[in-house]
Amino acid sequence: MSTPARKRLMRDFKRLLQDPPAGISGAPPRQQYHDLERWTFKLTLQFTEDYLNKPPTVRFVSRMFHPNIYADGSICLDILQNQWSPIYDVAAILTSIQSLLCDPNPNSPANSEAACMFSETKREYNRRVREVVEQSWTAD
């Protein structure tokens, strides 16, 4: 990886360790957390030489049921697509994903079943999300 991209990643990682956004932790694959009181969604972030000019490829490894997450785990999020800017660092990406998880956008669905359920039967949507999360605990 090129020096500018590597330097930026190192700076982002150091900042994420020293001053993580509320409710977010991130590290390269060596570190894993197993705690039943913490719901952990696993993501992969893949960076290229063009990291400053192009967003990383971000996918959920954990199975997800969410209006804005595709079946392959990729995320329908503007800053990972057409609204990318070099001002976004890893913490900003993770915070944006956290916000999307808490506040789905059913008007831009990647999963039409989840979007419809979220809009029409929130109780059933919440039950389905809980079911998928609980299944992910045993899948790891």
C-alpha atoms as a PDB file:
ATOM      1  CA  MET A   1       0.000   0.000   0.000  1.00  0.00           C
ATOM      2  CA  SER A   2       1.221   3.500  -0.805  1.00  0.00           C
ATOM      3  CA  THR A   3       2.733   5.675   1.872  1.00  0.00           C
ATOM      4  CA  PRO A   4      -0.058   8.328   1.977  1.00  0.00           C
ATOM      5  CA  ALA A   5      -2.792   5.688   2.335  1.00  0.00           C
ATOM      6  CA  ARG A   6      -0.793   3.740   4.938  1.00  0.00           C
ATOM      7  CA  LYS A   7      -0.036   6.891   6.957  1.00  0.00           C
ATOM      8  CA  ARG A   8      -3.694   7.862   6.906  1.00  0.00           C
ATOM      9  CA  LEU A   9      -4.801   4.373   8.017  1.00  0.00           C
ATOM     10  CA  MET A  10      -2.294   4.373  10.865  1.00  0.00           C
ATOM     11  CA  ARG A  11      -3.515   7.806  11.986  1.00  0.00           C
ATOM     12  CA  ASP A  12      -7.161   6.684  11.752  1.00  0.00           C
ATOM     13  CA  PHE A  13      -6.458   3.508  13.724  1.00  0.00           C
ATOM     14  CA  LYS A  14      -4.533   5.357  16.445  1.00  0.00           C
ATOM     15  CA  ARG A  15      -7.356   7.886  16.783  1.00  0.00           C
ATOM     16  CA  LEU A  16      -9.948   5.108  16.946  1.00  0.00           C
ATOM     17  CA  LEU A  17      -8.016   3.436  19.778  1.00  0.00           C
ATOM     18  CA  GLN A  18      -7.386   6.641  21.729  1.00  0.00           C
ATOM     19  CA  ASP A  19     -10.753   8.339  21.273  1.00  0.00           C
ATOM     20  CA  PRO A  20     -13.377   5.885  19.997  1.00  0.00           C
ATOM     21  CA  PRO A  21     -16.850   7.193  19.154  1.00  0.00           C
ATOM     22  CA  ALA A  22     -19.487   6.129  21.700  1.00  0.00           C
ATOM     23  CA  GLY A  23     -20.502   2.512  21.198  1.00  0.00           C
ATOM     24  CA  ILE A  24     -17.870   1.766  18.575  1.00  0.00           C
ATOM     25  CA  SER A  25     -14.680  -0.243  18.649  1.00  0.00           C
ATOM     26  CA  GLY A  26     -12.545  -1.296  15.759  1.00  0.00           C
ATOM     27  CA  ALA A  27      -9.314  -3.130  15.160  1.00  0.00           C
ATOM     28  CA  PRO A  28      -7.609  -5.306  12.589  1.00  0.00           C
ATOM     29  CA  PRO A  29      -8.713  -8.976  12.738  1.00  0.00           C
ATOM     30  CA  ARG A  30      -6.339  -9.992  15.552  1.00  0.00           C
ATOM     31  CA  GLN A  31      -8.564  -8.512  18.256  1.00  0.00           C
ATOM     32  CA  GLN A  32     -11.981  -9.980  18.929  1.00  0.00           C
ATOM     33  CA  TYR A  33     -14.452  -9.350  21.693  1.00  0.00           C
ATOM     34  CA  HIS A  34     -16.832 -12.021  22.972  1.00  0.00           C
ATOM     35  CA  ASP A  35     -19.288 -10.608  25.457  1.00  0.00           C
ATOM     36  CA  LEU A  36     -22.997 -11.426  25.638  1.00  0.00           C
ATOM     37  CA  GLU A  37     -23.801  -7.985  26.989  1.00  0.00           C
ATOM     38  CA  ARG A  38     -22.354  -6.394  23.882  1.00  0.00           C
ATOM     39  CA  TRP A  39     -24.003  -6.997  20.543  1.00  0.00           C
ATOM     40  CA  THR A  40     -21.188  -7.208  18.066  1.00  0.00           C
ATOM     41  CA  PHE A  41     -21.635  -6.837  14.359  1.00  0.00           C
ATOM     42  CA  LYS A  42     -18.587  -7.809  12.383  1.00  0.00           C
ATOM     43  CA  LEU A  43     -17.597  -5.711   9.407  1.00  0.00           C
ATOM     44  CA  THR A  44     -14.756  -5.861   6.979  1.00  0.00           C
ATOM     45  CA  LEU A  45     -13.248  -2.656   5.714  1.00  0.00           C
ATOM     46  CA  GLN A  46     -10.958  -3.129   2.748  1.00  0.00           C
ATOM     47  CA  PHE A  47      -8.721  -0.227   1.817  1.00  0.00           C
ATOM     48  CA  THR A  48      -6.938   0.336  -1.462  1.00  0.00           C
ATOM     49  CA  GLU A  49      -4.082   2.556  -2.594  1.00  0.00           C
ATOM     50  CA  ASP A  50      -6.714   5.208  -3.364  1.00  0.00           C
ATOM     51  CA  TYR A  51      -8.085   5.342   0.207  1.00  0.00           C
ATOM     52  CA  LEU A  52      -7.845   9.116   0.407  1.00  0.00           C
ATOM     53  CA  ASN A  53      -9.765   9.547  -2.829  1.00  0.00           C
ATOM     54  CA  LYS A  54     -12.028   6.490  -2.693  1.00  0.00           C
ATOM     55  CA  PRO A  55     -13.919   4.940   0.219  1.00  0.00           C
ATOM     56  CA  PRO A  56     -13.031   1.519   1.532  1.00  0.00           C
ATOM     57  CA  THR A  57     -15.204  -1.427   0.571  1.00  0.00           C
ATOM     58  CA  VAL A  58     -17.290  -2.117   3.655  1.00  0.00           C
ATOM     59  CA  ARG A  59     -19.353  -5.256   4.222  1.00  0.00           C
ATOM     60  CA  PHE A  60     -21.017  -6.869   7.173  1.00  0.00           C
ATOM     61  CA  VAL A  61     -19.650 -10.327   7.882  1.00  0.00           C
ATOM     62  CA  SER A  62     -22.443 -10.870  10.405  1.00  0.00           C
ATOM     63  CA  ARG A  63     -25.761 -11.734   8.812  1.00  0.00           C
ATOM     64  CA  MET A  64     -28.000  -8.668   8.932  1.00  0.00           C
ATOM     65  CA  PHE A  65     -31.686  -7.908   8.473  1.00  0.00           C
ATOM     66  CA  HIS A  66     -31.845  -4.192   7.753  1.00  0.00           C
ATOM     67  CA  PRO A  67     -33.461  -2.009   5.084  1.00  0.00           C
ATOM     68  CA  ASN A  68     -30.124  -0.576   3.960  1.00  0.00           C
ATOM     69  CA  ILE A  69     -27.952  -3.698   3.946  1.00  0.00           C
ATOM     70  CA  TYR A  70     -27.779  -5.982   0.921  1.00  0.00           C
ATOM     71  CA  ALA A  71     -27.810  -9.775   1.188  1.00  0.00           C
ATOM     72  CA  ASP A  72     -24.035  -9.859   0.539  1.00  0.00           C
ATOM     73  CA  GLY A  73     -23.448  -7.540   3.523  1.00  0.00           C
ATOM     74  CA  SER A  74     -22.676  -4.402   1.530  1.00  0.00           C
ATOM     75  CA  ILE A  75     -24.182  -1.189   2.813  1.00  0.00           C
ATOM     76  CA  CYS A  76     -26.336   1.358   1.045  1.00  0.00           C
ATOM     77  CA  LEU A  77     -24.772   4.469   2.559  1.00  0.00           C
ATOM     78  CA  ASP A  78     -24.065   7.661   0.639  1.00  0.00           C
ATOM     79  CA  ILE A  79     -20.597   8.313   2.106  1.00  0.00           C
ATOM     80  CA  LEU A  80     -19.492   4.866   0.926  1.00  0.00           C
ATOM     81  CA  GLN A  81     -20.766   5.619  -2.551  1.00  0.00           C
ATOM     82  CA  ASN A  82     -21.369   8.938  -4.292  1.00  0.00           C
ATOM     83  CA  GLN A  83     -20.794  11.261  -1.305  1.00  0.00           C
ATOM     84  CA  TRP A  84     -17.285  10.108  -0.347  1.00  0.00           C
ATOM     85  CA  SER A  85     -14.797  12.755   0.739  1.00  0.00           C
ATOM     86  CA  PRO A  86     -11.229  12.449   2.079  1.00  0.00           C
ATOM     87  CA  ILE A  87     -12.403  14.240   5.238  1.00  0.00           C
ATOM     88  CA  TYR A  88     -14.092  10.989   6.331  1.00  0.00           C
ATOM     89  CA  ASP A  89     -11.861   8.813   8.466  1.00  0.00           C
ATOM     90  CA  VAL A  90     -12.508   5.321   9.835  1.00  0.00           C
ATOM     91  CA  ALA A  91     -14.273   6.707  12.921  1.00  0.00           C
ATOM     92  CA  ALA A  92     -16.618   8.772  10.722  1.00  0.00           C
ATOM     93  CA  ILE A  93     -17.400   5.728   8.566  1.00  0.00           C
ATOM     94  CA  LEU A  94     -18.174   3.578  11.608  1.00  0.00           C
ATOM     95  CA  THR A  95     -20.237   6.327  13.235  1.00  0.00           C
ATOM     96  CA  SER A  96     -22.265   6.722  10.033  1.00  0.00           C
ATOM     97  CA  ILE A  97     -22.897   2.973   9.917  1.00  0.00           C
ATOM     98  CA  GLN A  98     -23.912   3.003  13.589  1.00  0.00           C
ATOM     99  CA  SER A  99     -26.347   5.831  12.860  1.00  0.00           C
ATOM    100  CA  LEU A 100     -27.792   3.939   9.897  1.00  0.00           C
ATOM    101  CA  LEU A 101     -28.320   0.840  12.042  1.00  0.00           C
ATOM    102  CA  CYS A 102     -30.243   2.913  14.591  1.00  0.00           C
ATOM    103  CA  ASP A 103     -32.160   4.964  12.037  1.00  0.00           C
ATOM    104  CA  PRO A 104     -32.816   2.998   8.820  1.00  0.00           C
ATOM    105  CA  ASN A 105     -33.822   4.732   5.606  1.00  0.00           C
ATOM    106  CA  PRO A 106     -36.662   2.639   4.143  1.00  0.00           C
ATOM    107  CA  ASN A 107     -36.897   5.036   1.172  1.00  0.00           C
ATOM    108  CA  SER A 108     -33.549   3.800  -0.162  1.00  0.00           C
ATOM    109  CA  PRO A 109     -33.862   0.055   0.394  1.00  0.00           C
ATOM    110  CA  ALA A 110     -31.176  -2.521  -0.217  1.00  0.00           C
ATOM    111  CA  ASN A 111     -33.458  -5.120   1.384  1.00  0.00           C
ATOM    112  CA  SER A 112     -37.048  -4.443   0.308  1.00  0.00           C
ATOM    113  CA  GLU A 113     -38.518  -7.013   2.735  1.00  0.00           C
ATOM    114  CA  ALA A 114     -36.816  -5.331   5.699  1.00  0.00           C
ATOM    115  CA  ALA A 115     -37.795  -1.866   4.447  1.00  0.00           C
ATOM    116  CA  CYS A 116     -41.451  -2.855   4.047  1.00  0.00           C
ATOM    117  CA  MET A 117     -41.517  -4.541   7.457  1.00  0.00           C
ATOM    118  CA  PHE A 118     -39.799  -1.546   9.098  1.00  0.00           C
ATOM    119  CA  SER A 119     -42.394   0.831   7.619  1.00  0.00           C
ATOM    120  CA  GLU A 120     -45.515  -1.277   8.084  1.00  0.00           C
ATOM    121  CA  THR A 121     -45.019  -3.641  11.038  1.00  0.00           C
ATOM    122  CA  LYS A 122     -42.270  -2.300  13.280  1.00  0.00           C
ATOM    123  CA  ARG A 123     -42.988  -4.918  15.936  1.00  0.00           C
ATOM    124  CA  GLU A 124     -42.418  -7.770  13.470  1.00  0.00           C
ATOM    125  CA  TYR A 125     -39.337  -5.998  12.116  1.00  0.00           C
ATOM    126  CA  ASN A 126     -37.840  -5.733  15.627  1.00  0.00           C
ATOM    127  CA  ARG A 127     -38.609  -9.412  16.280  1.00  0.00           C
ATOM    128  CA  ARG A 128     -36.868 -10.423  13.048  1.00  0.00           C
ATOM    129  CA  VAL A 129     -33.810  -8.274  13.815  1.00  0.00           C
ATOM    130  CA  ARG A 130     -33.537  -9.846  17.288  1.00  0.00           C
ATOM    131  CA  GLU A 131     -33.827 -13.322  15.766  1.00  0.00           C
ATOM    132  CA  VAL A 132     -31.027 -12.665  13.255  1.00  0.00           C
ATOM    133  CA  VAL A 133     -28.781 -11.155  15.946  1.00  0.00           C
ATOM    134  CA  GLU A 134     -29.330 -14.108  18.278  1.00  0.00           C
ATOM    135  CA  GLN A 135     -28.543 -16.528  15.439  1.00  0.00           C
ATOM    136  CA  SER A 136     -25.298 -14.641  14.789  1.00  0.00           C
ATOM    137  CA  TRP A 137     -24.138 -15.360  18.357  1.00  0.00           C
ATOM    138  CA  THR A 138     -24.170 -19.089  17.681  1.00  0.00           C
ATOM    139  CA  ALA A 139     -22.792 -18.788  14.146  1.00  0.00           C
ATOM    140  CA  ASP A 140     -19.462 -17.300  15.272  1.00  0.00           C
END
